[in-house]
Amino acid sequence: CNDDDTIEDLKKLVAAQTGTRVEKIRTQKWYNIYKDHITLKD
């Protein structure tokens, strides 16, 4: 993906590969849960 994509765009790409719904996916690193509207660059 691009670095100016949002976390929600990343979730859509993951959902297309895994077959799960976007609403069911949560991404995080350690204890930081990433919010959907913030970009990867941020």
ModelCIF file with pLDDT and N, C-alpha, C, O atoms, coordinates in Angstrom:
data_MODEL
#
_entry.id   MODEL 
#
_entity.id                         1 
_entity.type                       polymer 
_entity.pdbx_number_of_molecules   1 
#
_entity_poly.entity_id                      1 
_entity_poly.type                           'polypeptide(L)' 
_entity_poly.nstd_linkage                   no 
_entity_poly.nstd_monomer                   no 
_entity_poly.pdbx_seq_one_letter_code       CNDDDTIEDLKKLVAAQTGTRVEKIRTQKWYNIYKDHITLKD 
_entity_poly.pdbx_seq_one_letter_code_can   CNDDDTIEDLKKLVAAQTGTRVEKIRTQKWYNIYKDHITLKD 
_entity_poly.pdbx_strand_id                 A 
#
loop_
_entity_poly_seq.entity_id 
_entity_poly_seq.num 
_entity_poly_seq.mon_id 
_entity_poly_seq.hetero 
1 1  CYS n 
1 2  ASN n 
1 3  ASP n 
1 4  ASP n 
1 5  ASP n 
1 6  THR n 
1 7  ILE n 
1 8  GLU n 
1 9  ASP n 
1 10 LEU n 
1 11 LYS n 
1 12 LYS n 
1 13 LEU n 
1 14 VAL n 
1 15 ALA n 
1 16 ALA n 
1 17 GLN n 
1 18 THR n 
1 19 GLY n 
1 20 THR n 
1 21 ARG n 
1 22 VAL n 
1 23 GLU n 
1 24 LYS n 
1 25 ILE n 
1 26 ARG n 
1 27 THR n 
1 28 GLN n 
1 29 LYS n 
1 30 TRP n 
1 31 TYR n 
1 32 ASN n 
1 33 ILE n 
1 34 TYR n 
1 35 LYS n 
1 36 ASP n 
1 37 HIS n 
1 38 ILE n 
1 39 THR n 
1 40 LEU n 
1 41 LYS n 
1 42 ASP n 
#
_struct_asym.id          A 
_struct_asym.entity_id   1 
#
loop_
_ma_qa_metric.id 
_ma_qa_metric.mode 
_ma_qa_metric.name 
_ma_qa_metric.software_group_id 
_ma_qa_metric.type 
1 global pLDDT . pLDDT 
2 local  pLDDT . pLDDT 
#
_ma_qa_metric_global.metric_id      1 
_ma_qa_metric_global.metric_value   91.93 
_ma_qa_metric_global.model_id       1 
_ma_qa_metric_global.ordinal_id     1 
#
loop_
_ma_qa_metric_local.label_asym_id 
_ma_qa_metric_local.label_comp_id 
_ma_qa_metric_local.label_seq_id 
_ma_qa_metric_local.metric_id 
_ma_qa_metric_local.metric_value 
_ma_qa_metric_local.model_id 
_ma_qa_metric_local.ordinal_id 
A CYS 1  2 92.00 1 1  
A ASN 2  2 91.00 1 2  
A ASP 3  2 88.00 1 3  
A ASP 4  2 91.00 1 4  
A ASP 5  2 92.00 1 5  
A THR 6  2 94.00 1 6  
A ILE 7  2 93.00 1 7  
A GLU 8  2 93.00 1 8  
A ASP 9  2 93.00 1 9  
A LEU 10 2 92.00 1 10 
A LYS 11 2 93.00 1 11 
A LYS 12 2 94.00 1 12 
A LEU 13 2 93.00 1 13 
A VAL 14 2 93.00 1 14 
A ALA 15 2 93.00 1 15 
A ALA 16 2 93.00 1 16 
A GLN 17 2 91.00 1 17 
A THR 18 2 90.00 1 18 
A GLY 19 2 90.00 1 19 
A THR 20 2 91.00 1 20 
A ARG 21 2 93.00 1 21 
A VAL 22 2 93.00 1 22 
A GLU 23 2 93.00 1 23 
A LYS 24 2 93.00 1 24 
A ILE 25 2 93.00 1 25 
A ARG 26 2 93.00 1 26 
A THR 27 2 93.00 1 27 
A GLN 28 2 92.00 1 28 
A LYS 29 2 91.00 1 29 
A TRP 30 2 89.00 1 30 
A TYR 31 2 90.00 1 31 
A ASN 32 2 88.00 1 32 
A ILE 33 2 92.00 1 33 
A TYR 34 2 91.00 1 34 
A LYS 35 2 93.00 1 35 
A ASP 36 2 91.00 1 36 
A HIS 37 2 93.00 1 37 
A ILE 38 2 93.00 1 38 
A THR 39 2 93.00 1 39 
A LEU 40 2 91.00 1 40 
A LYS 41 2 91.00 1 41 
A ASP 42 2 92.00 1 42 
#
loop_
_atom_site.group_PDB 
_atom_site.id 
_atom_site.type_symbol 
_atom_site.label_atom_id 
_atom_site.label_alt_id 
_atom_site.label_comp_id 
_atom_site.label_asym_id 
_atom_site.label_entity_id 
_atom_site.label_seq_id 
_atom_site.pdbx_PDB_ins_code 
_atom_site.Cartn_x 
_atom_site.Cartn_y 
_atom_site.Cartn_z 
_atom_site.occupancy 
_atom_site.B_iso_or_equiv 
_atom_site.pdbx_formal_charge 
_atom_site.auth_seq_id 
_atom_site.auth_comp_id 
_atom_site.auth_asym_id 
_atom_site.auth_atom_id 
_atom_site.pdbx_PDB_model_num 
ATOM 1   N N  . CYS A 1 1  ? 0.845   -1.183  0.000  1.00 92.00 ? 1  CYS A N  1 
ATOM 2   C CA . CYS A 1 1  ? 0.000   0.000   0.000  1.00 92.00 ? 1  CYS A CA 1 
ATOM 3   C C  . CYS A 1 1  ? 0.888   1.243   0.000  1.00 92.00 ? 1  CYS A C  1 
ATOM 4   O O  . CYS A 1 1  ? 2.110   1.145   0.111  1.00 92.00 ? 1  CYS A O  1 
ATOM 5   N N  . ASN A 1 2  ? 0.269   2.393   -0.123 1.00 91.00 ? 2  ASN A N  1 
ATOM 6   C CA . ASN A 1 2  ? 0.998   3.664   -0.084 1.00 91.00 ? 2  ASN A CA 1 
ATOM 7   C C  . ASN A 1 2  ? 1.078   4.169   1.339  1.00 91.00 ? 2  ASN A C  1 
ATOM 8   O O  . ASN A 1 2  ? 0.256   3.803   2.180  1.00 91.00 ? 2  ASN A O  1 
ATOM 9   N N  . ASP A 1 3  ? 2.066   5.009   1.615  1.00 88.00 ? 3  ASP A N  1 
ATOM 10  C CA . ASP A 1 3  ? 2.199   5.517   2.977  1.00 88.00 ? 3  ASP A CA 1 
ATOM 11  C C  . ASP A 1 3  ? 1.171   6.593   3.303  1.00 88.00 ? 3  ASP A C  1 
ATOM 12  O O  . ASP A 1 3  ? 1.010   6.947   4.471  1.00 88.00 ? 3  ASP A O  1 
ATOM 13  N N  . ASP A 1 4  ? 0.470   7.124   2.297  1.00 91.00 ? 4  ASP A N  1 
ATOM 14  C CA . ASP A 1 4  ? -0.590  8.098   2.582  1.00 91.00 ? 4  ASP A CA 1 
ATOM 15  C C  . ASP A 1 4  ? -1.969  7.444   2.666  1.00 91.00 ? 4  ASP A C  1 
ATOM 16  O O  . ASP A 1 4  ? -2.977  8.145   2.753  1.00 91.00 ? 4  ASP A O  1 
ATOM 17  N N  . ASP A 1 5  ? -2.026  6.110   2.641  1.00 92.00 ? 5  ASP A N  1 
ATOM 18  C CA . ASP A 1 5  ? -3.280  5.392   2.856  1.00 92.00 ? 5  ASP A CA 1 
ATOM 19  C C  . ASP A 1 5  ? -3.642  5.412   4.338  1.00 92.00 ? 5  ASP A C  1 
ATOM 20  O O  . ASP A 1 5  ? -2.768  5.505   5.200  1.00 92.00 ? 5  ASP A O  1 
ATOM 21  N N  . THR A 1 6  ? -4.930  5.323   4.617  1.00 94.00 ? 6  THR A N  1 
ATOM 22  C CA . THR A 1 6  ? -5.368  5.274   6.002  1.00 94.00 ? 6  THR A CA 1 
ATOM 23  C C  . THR A 1 6  ? -5.353  3.833   6.503  1.00 94.00 ? 6  THR A C  1 
ATOM 24  O O  . THR A 1 6  ? -5.176  2.894   5.727  1.00 94.00 ? 6  THR A O  1 
ATOM 25  N N  . ILE A 1 7  ? -5.537  3.679   7.786  1.00 93.00 ? 7  ILE A N  1 
ATOM 26  C CA . ILE A 1 7  ? -5.608  2.347   8.382  1.00 93.00 ? 7  ILE A CA 1 
ATOM 27  C C  . ILE A 1 7  ? -6.824  1.594   7.845  1.00 93.00 ? 7  ILE A C  1 
ATOM 28  O O  . ILE A 1 7  ? -6.787  0.372   7.696  1.00 93.00 ? 7  ILE A O  1 
ATOM 29  N N  . GLU A 1 8  ? -7.890  2.318   7.560  1.00 93.00 ? 8  GLU A N  1 
ATOM 30  C CA . GLU A 1 8  ? -9.076  1.675   7.002  1.00 93.00 ? 8  GLU A CA 1 
ATOM 31  C C  . GLU A 1 8  ? -8.790  1.119   5.608  1.00 93.00 ? 8  GLU A C  1 
ATOM 32  O O  . GLU A 1 8  ? -9.288  0.047   5.264  1.00 93.00 ? 8  GLU A O  1 
ATOM 33  N N  . ASP A 1 9  ? -7.998  1.827   4.802  1.00 93.00 ? 9  ASP A N  1 
ATOM 34  C CA . ASP A 1 9  ? -7.602  1.303   3.492  1.00 93.00 ? 9  ASP A CA 1 
ATOM 35  C C  . ASP A 1 9  ? -6.771  0.035   3.650  1.00 93.00 ? 9  ASP A C  1 
ATOM 36  O O  . ASP A 1 9  ? -6.926  -0.920  2.888  1.00 93.00 ? 9  ASP A O  1 
ATOM 37  N N  . LEU A 1 10 ? -5.890  0.034   4.642  1.00 92.00 ? 10 LEU A N  1 
ATOM 38  C CA . LEU A 1 10 ? -5.084  -1.153  4.926  1.00 92.00 ? 10 LEU A CA 1 
ATOM 39  C C  . LEU A 1 10 ? -5.971  -2.327  5.329  1.00 92.00 ? 10 LEU A C  1 
ATOM 40  O O  . LEU A 1 10 ? -5.742  -3.460  4.907  1.00 92.00 ? 10 LEU A O  1 
ATOM 41  N N  . LYS A 1 11 ? -6.979  -2.052  6.144  1.00 93.00 ? 11 LYS A N  1 
ATOM 42  C CA . LYS A 1 11 ? -7.904  -3.099  6.574  1.00 93.00 ? 11 LYS A CA 1 
ATOM 43  C C  . LYS A 1 11 ? -8.688  -3.661  5.395  1.00 93.00 ? 11 LYS A C  1 
ATOM 44  O O  . LYS A 1 11 ? -8.971  -4.859  5.359  1.00 93.00 ? 11 LYS A O  1 
ATOM 45  N N  . LYS A 1 12 ? -9.044  -2.817  4.431  1.00 94.00 ? 12 LYS A N  1 
ATOM 46  C CA . LYS A 1 12 ? -9.770  -3.287  3.255  1.00 94.00 ? 12 LYS A CA 1 
ATOM 47  C C  . LYS A 1 12 ? -8.907  -4.232  2.427  1.00 94.00 ? 12 LYS A C  1 
ATOM 48  O O  . LYS A 1 12 ? -9.405  -5.225  1.897  1.00 94.00 ? 12 LYS A O  1 
ATOM 49  N N  . LEU A 1 13 ? -7.613  -3.928  2.314  1.00 93.00 ? 13 LEU A N  1 
ATOM 50  C CA . LEU A 1 13 ? -6.707  -4.809  1.582  1.00 93.00 ? 13 LEU A CA 1 
ATOM 51  C C  . LEU A 1 13 ? -6.543  -6.147  2.298  1.00 93.00 ? 13 LEU A C  1 
ATOM 52  O O  . LEU A 1 13 ? -6.503  -7.199  1.660  1.00 93.00 ? 13 LEU A O  1 
ATOM 53  N N  . VAL A 1 14 ? -6.450  -6.101  3.622  1.00 93.00 ? 14 VAL A N  1 
ATOM 54  C CA . VAL A 1 14 ? -6.328  -7.330  4.403  1.00 93.00 ? 14 VAL A CA 1 
ATOM 55  C C  . VAL A 1 14 ? -7.612  -8.147  4.308  1.00 93.00 ? 14 VAL A C  1 
ATOM 56  O O  . VAL A 1 14 ? -7.564  -9.371  4.193  1.00 93.00 ? 14 VAL A O  1 
ATOM 57  N N  . ALA A 1 15 ? -8.749  -7.478  4.357  1.00 93.00 ? 15 ALA A N  1 
ATOM 58  C CA . ALA A 1 15 ? -10.032 -8.181  4.275  1.00 93.00 ? 15 ALA A CA 1 
ATOM 59  C C  . ALA A 1 15 ? -10.196 -8.862  2.921  1.00 93.00 ? 15 ALA A C  1 
ATOM 60  O O  . ALA A 1 15 ? -10.781 -9.942  2.840  1.00 93.00 ? 15 ALA A O  1 
ATOM 61  N N  . ALA A 1 16 ? -9.689  -8.246  1.865  1.00 93.00 ? 16 ALA A N  1 
ATOM 62  C CA . ALA A 1 16 ? -9.782  -8.862  0.537  1.00 93.00 ? 16 ALA A CA 1 
ATOM 63  C C  . ALA A 1 16 ? -8.931  -10.125 0.459  1.00 93.00 ? 16 ALA A C  1 
ATOM 64  O O  . ALA A 1 16 ? -9.296  -11.067 -0.245 1.00 93.00 ? 16 ALA A O  1 
ATOM 65  N N  . GLN A 1 17 ? -7.822  -10.162 1.160  1.00 91.00 ? 17 GLN A N  1 
ATOM 66  C CA . GLN A 1 17 ? -6.952  -11.337 1.118  1.00 91.00 ? 17 GLN A CA 1 
ATOM 67  C C  . GLN A 1 17 ? -7.392  -12.445 2.067  1.00 91.00 ? 17 GLN A C  1 
ATOM 68  O O  . GLN A 1 17 ? -7.241  -13.626 1.755  1.00 91.00 ? 17 GLN A O  1 
ATOM 69  N N  . THR A 1 18 ? -7.934  -12.071 3.220  1.00 90.00 ? 18 THR A N  1 
ATOM 70  C CA . THR A 1 18 ? -8.289  -13.085 4.215  1.00 90.00 ? 18 THR A CA 1 
ATOM 71  C C  . THR A 1 18 ? -9.734  -13.545 4.120  1.00 90.00 ? 18 THR A C  1 
ATOM 72  O O  . THR A 1 18 ? -10.058 -14.645 4.567  1.00 90.00 ? 18 THR A O  1 
ATOM 73  N N  . GLY A 1 19 ? -10.606 -12.728 3.549  1.00 90.00 ? 19 GLY A N  1 
ATOM 74  C CA . GLY A 1 19 ? -12.016 -13.103 3.458  1.00 90.00 ? 19 GLY A CA 1 
ATOM 75  C C  . GLY A 1 19 ? -12.823 -12.711 4.668  1.00 90.00 ? 19 GLY A C  1 
ATOM 76  O O  . GLY A 1 19 ? -13.972 -13.133 4.794  1.00 90.00 ? 19 GLY A O  1 
ATOM 77  N N  . THR A 1 20 ? -12.271 -11.924 5.562  1.00 91.00 ? 20 THR A N  1 
ATOM 78  C CA . THR A 1 20 ? -13.029 -11.454 6.729  1.00 91.00 ? 20 THR A CA 1 
ATOM 79  C C  . THR A 1 20 ? -13.583 -10.067 6.447  1.00 91.00 ? 20 THR A C  1 
ATOM 80  O O  . THR A 1 20 ? -13.119 -9.376  5.540  1.00 91.00 ? 20 THR A O  1 
ATOM 81  N N  . ARG A 1 21 ? -14.570 -9.666  7.224  1.00 93.00 ? 21 ARG A N  1 
ATOM 82  C CA . ARG A 1 21 ? -15.165 -8.345  7.038  1.00 93.00 ? 21 ARG A CA 1 
ATOM 83  C C  . ARG A 1 21 ? -14.267 -7.274  7.641  1.00 93.00 ? 21 ARG A C  1 
ATOM 84  O O  . ARG A 1 21 ? -13.543 -7.530  8.603  1.00 93.00 ? 21 ARG A O  1 
ATOM 85  N N  . VAL A 1 22 ? -14.320 -6.090  7.079  1.00 93.00 ? 22 VAL A N  1 
ATOM 86  C CA . VAL A 1 22 ? -13.471 -4.977  7.529  1.00 93.00 ? 22 VAL A CA 1 
ATOM 87  C C  . VAL A 1 22 ? -13.789 -4.594  8.966  1.00 93.00 ? 22 VAL A C  1 
ATOM 88  O O  . VAL A 1 22 ? -12.889 -4.234  9.726  1.00 93.00 ? 22 VAL A O  1 
ATOM 89  N N  . GLU A 1 23 ? -15.059 -4.667  9.344  1.00 93.00 ? 23 GLU A N  1 
ATOM 90  C CA . GLU A 1 23 ? -15.463 -4.269  10.692 1.00 93.00 ? 23 GLU A CA 1 
ATOM 91  C C  . GLU A 1 23 ? -14.893 -5.190  11.760 1.00 93.00 ? 23 GLU A C  1 
ATOM 92  O O  . GLU A 1 23 ? -14.770 -4.790  12.918 1.00 93.00 ? 23 GLU A O  1 
ATOM 93  N N  . LYS A 1 24 ? -14.544 -6.410  11.390 1.00 93.00 ? 24 LYS A N  1 
ATOM 94  C CA . LYS A 1 24 ? -14.045 -7.399  12.344 1.00 93.00 ? 24 LYS A CA 1 
ATOM 95  C C  . LYS A 1 24 ? -12.538 -7.335  12.546 1.00 93.00 ? 24 LYS A C  1 
ATOM 96  O O  . LYS A 1 24 ? -12.012 -8.014  13.428 1.00 93.00 ? 24 LYS A O  1 
ATOM 97  N N  . ILE A 1 25 ? -11.829 -6.535  11.752 1.00 93.00 ? 25 ILE A N  1 
ATOM 98  C CA . ILE A 1 25 ? -10.367 -6.510  11.803 1.00 93.00 ? 25 ILE A CA 1 
ATOM 99  C C  . ILE A 1 25 ? -9.894  -5.369  12.698 1.00 93.00 ? 25 ILE A C  1 
ATOM 100 O O  . ILE A 1 25 ? -10.395 -4.247  12.618 1.00 93.00 ? 25 ILE A O  1 
ATOM 101 N N  . ARG A 1 26 ? -8.918  -5.678  13.554 1.00 93.00 ? 26 ARG A N  1 
ATOM 102 C CA . ARG A 1 26 ? -8.281  -4.659  14.395 1.00 93.00 ? 26 ARG A CA 1 
ATOM 103 C C  . ARG A 1 26 ? -6.772  -4.794  14.220 1.00 93.00 ? 26 ARG A C  1 
ATOM 104 O O  . ARG A 1 26 ? -6.224  -5.889  14.344 1.00 93.00 ? 26 ARG A O  1 
ATOM 105 N N  . THR A 1 27 ? -6.104  -3.685  13.934 1.00 93.00 ? 27 THR A N  1 
ATOM 106 C CA . THR A 1 27 ? -4.646  -3.700  13.786 1.00 93.00 ? 27 THR A CA 1 
ATOM 107 C C  . THR A 1 27 ? -4.026  -2.954  14.960 1.00 93.00 ? 27 THR A C  1 
ATOM 108 O O  . THR A 1 27 ? -4.538  -1.929  15.410 1.00 93.00 ? 27 THR A O  1 
ATOM 109 N N  . GLN A 1 28 ? -2.918  -3.489  15.443 1.00 92.00 ? 28 GLN A N  1 
ATOM 110 C CA . GLN A 1 28 ? -2.226  -2.828  16.539 1.00 92.00 ? 28 GLN A CA 1 
ATOM 111 C C  . GLN A 1 28 ? -0.767  -3.250  16.559 1.00 92.00 ? 28 GLN A C  1 
ATOM 112 O O  . GLN A 1 28 ? -0.373  -4.222  15.915 1.00 92.00 ? 28 GLN A O  1 
ATOM 113 N N  . LYS A 1 29 ? 0.014   -2.510  17.300 1.00 91.00 ? 29 LYS A N  1 
ATOM 114 C CA . LYS A 1 29 ? 1.424   -2.805  17.528 1.00 91.00 ? 29 LYS A CA 1 
ATOM 115 C C  . LYS A 1 29 ? 1.634   -2.624  19.012 1.00 91.00 ? 29 LYS A C  1 
ATOM 116 O O  . LYS A 1 29 ? 1.435   -1.530  19.539 1.00 91.00 ? 29 LYS A O  1 
ATOM 117 N N  . TRP A 1 30 ? 2.037   -3.688  19.697 1.00 89.00 ? 30 TRP A N  1 
ATOM 118 C CA . TRP A 1 30 ? 2.126   -3.724  21.148 1.00 89.00 ? 30 TRP A CA 1 
ATOM 119 C C  . TRP A 1 30 ? 0.777   -3.354  21.735 1.00 89.00 ? 30 TRP A C  1 
ATOM 120 O O  . TRP A 1 30 ? -0.187  -4.100  21.563 1.00 89.00 ? 30 TRP A O  1 
ATOM 121 N N  . TYR A 1 31 ? 0.680   -2.230  22.420 1.00 90.00 ? 31 TYR A N  1 
ATOM 122 C CA . TYR A 1 31 ? -0.595  -1.838  23.030 1.00 90.00 ? 31 TYR A CA 1 
ATOM 123 C C  . TYR A 1 31 ? -1.270  -0.698  22.292 1.00 90.00 ? 31 TYR A C  1 
ATOM 124 O O  . TYR A 1 31 ? -2.318  -0.223  22.730 1.00 90.00 ? 31 TYR A O  1 
ATOM 125 N N  . ASN A 1 32 ? -0.702  -0.246  21.187 1.00 88.00 ? 32 ASN A N  1 
ATOM 126 C CA . ASN A 1 32 ? -1.283  0.846   20.413 1.00 88.00 ? 32 ASN A CA 1 
ATOM 127 C C  . ASN A 1 32 ? -2.274  0.292   19.404 1.00 88.00 ? 32 ASN A C  1 
ATOM 128 O O  . ASN A 1 32 ? -1.886  -0.394  18.458 1.00 88.00 ? 32 ASN A O  1 
ATOM 129 N N  . ILE A 1 33 ? -3.544  0.585   19.603 1.00 92.00 ? 33 ILE A N  1 
ATOM 130 C CA . ILE A 1 33 ? -4.576  0.194   18.649 1.00 92.00 ? 33 ILE A CA 1 
ATOM 131 C C  . ILE A 1 33 ? -4.719  1.339   17.653 1.00 92.00 ? 33 ILE A C  1 
ATOM 132 O O  . ILE A 1 33 ? -4.970  2.484   18.028 1.00 92.00 ? 33 ILE A O  1 
ATOM 133 N N  . TYR A 1 34 ? -4.552  1.003   16.369 1.00 91.00 ? 34 TYR A N  1 
ATOM 134 C CA . TYR A 1 34 ? -4.561  2.031   15.330 1.00 91.00 ? 34 TYR A CA 1 
ATOM 135 C C  . TYR A 1 34 ? -5.984  2.403   14.951 1.00 91.00 ? 34 TYR A C  1 
ATOM 136 O O  . TYR A 1 34 ? -6.835  1.534   14.762 1.00 91.00 ? 34 TYR A O  1 
ATOM 137 N N  . LYS A 1 35 ? -6.235  3.707   14.842 1.00 93.00 ? 35 LYS A N  1 
ATOM 138 C CA . LYS A 1 35 ? -7.552  4.227   14.482 1.00 93.00 ? 35 LYS A CA 1 
ATOM 139 C C  . LYS A 1 35 ? -7.679  4.300   12.968 1.00 93.00 ? 35 LYS A C  1 
ATOM 140 O O  . LYS A 1 35 ? -6.688  4.496   12.263 1.00 93.00 ? 35 LYS A O  1 
ATOM 141 N N  . ASP A 1 36 ? -8.899  4.140   12.470 1.00 91.00 ? 36 ASP A N  1 
ATOM 142 C CA . ASP A 1 36 ? -9.142  3.987   11.036 1.00 91.00 ? 36 ASP A CA 1 
ATOM 143 C C  . ASP A 1 36 ? -8.852  5.232   10.205 1.00 91.00 ? 36 ASP A C  1 
ATOM 144 O O  . ASP A 1 36 ? -8.437  5.101   9.054  1.00 91.00 ? 36 ASP A O  1 
ATOM 145 N N  . HIS A 1 37 ? -9.049  6.409   10.730 1.00 93.00 ? 37 HIS A N  1 
ATOM 146 C CA . HIS A 1 37 ? -8.972  7.619   9.921  1.00 93.00 ? 37 HIS A CA 1 
ATOM 147 C C  . HIS A 1 37 ? -7.566  8.219   9.835  1.00 93.00 ? 37 HIS A C  1 
ATOM 148 O O  . HIS A 1 37 ? -7.384  9.225   9.149  1.00 93.00 ? 37 HIS A O  1 
ATOM 149 N N  . ILE A 1 38 ? -6.586  7.646   10.494 1.00 93.00 ? 38 ILE A N  1 
ATOM 150 C CA . ILE A 1 38 ? -5.228  8.195   10.519 1.00 93.00 ? 38 ILE A CA 1 
ATOM 151 C C  . ILE A 1 38 ? -4.372  7.450   9.492  1.00 93.00 ? 38 ILE A C  1 
ATOM 152 O O  . ILE A 1 38 ? -4.512  6.239   9.321  1.00 93.00 ? 38 ILE A O  1 
ATOM 153 N N  . THR A 1 39 ? -3.487  8.178   8.813  1.00 93.00 ? 39 THR A N  1 
ATOM 154 C CA . THR A 1 39 ? -2.682  7.580   7.745  1.00 93.00 ? 39 THR A CA 1 
ATOM 155 C C  . THR A 1 39 ? -1.495  6.810   8.324  1.00 93.00 ? 39 THR A C  1 
ATOM 156 O O  . THR A 1 39 ? -1.115  6.982   9.482  1.00 93.00 ? 39 THR A O  1 
ATOM 157 N N  . LEU A 1 40 ? -0.926  5.956   7.474  1.00 91.00 ? 40 LEU A N  1 
ATOM 158 C CA . LEU A 1 40 ? 0.243   5.175   7.875  1.00 91.00 ? 40 LEU A CA 1 
ATOM 159 C C  . LEU A 1 40 ? 1.437   6.087   8.125  1.00 91.00 ? 40 LEU A C  1 
ATOM 160 O O  . LEU A 1 40 ? 2.256   5.815   9.004  1.00 91.00 ? 40 LEU A O  1 
ATOM 161 N N  . LYS A 1 41 ? 1.539   7.165   7.360  1.00 91.00 ? 41 LYS A N  1 
ATOM 162 C CA . LYS A 1 41 ? 2.641   8.115   7.524  1.00 91.00 ? 41 LYS A CA 1 
ATOM 163 C C  . LYS A 1 41 ? 2.571   8.802   8.890  1.00 91.00 ? 41 LYS A C  1 
ATOM 164 O O  . LYS A 1 41 ? 3.599   9.041   9.524  1.00 91.00 ? 41 LYS A O  1 
ATOM 165 N N  . ASP A 1 42 ? 1.356   9.115   9.333  1.00 92.00 ? 42 ASP A N  1 
ATOM 166 C CA . ASP A 1 42 ? 1.192   9.762   10.643 1.00 92.00 ? 42 ASP A CA 1 
ATOM 167 C C  . ASP A 1 42 ? 1.581   8.829   11.784 1.00 92.00 ? 42 ASP A C  1 
ATOM 168 O O  . ASP A 1 42 ? 1.503   9.214   12.950 1.00 92.00 ? 42 ASP A O  1 
#
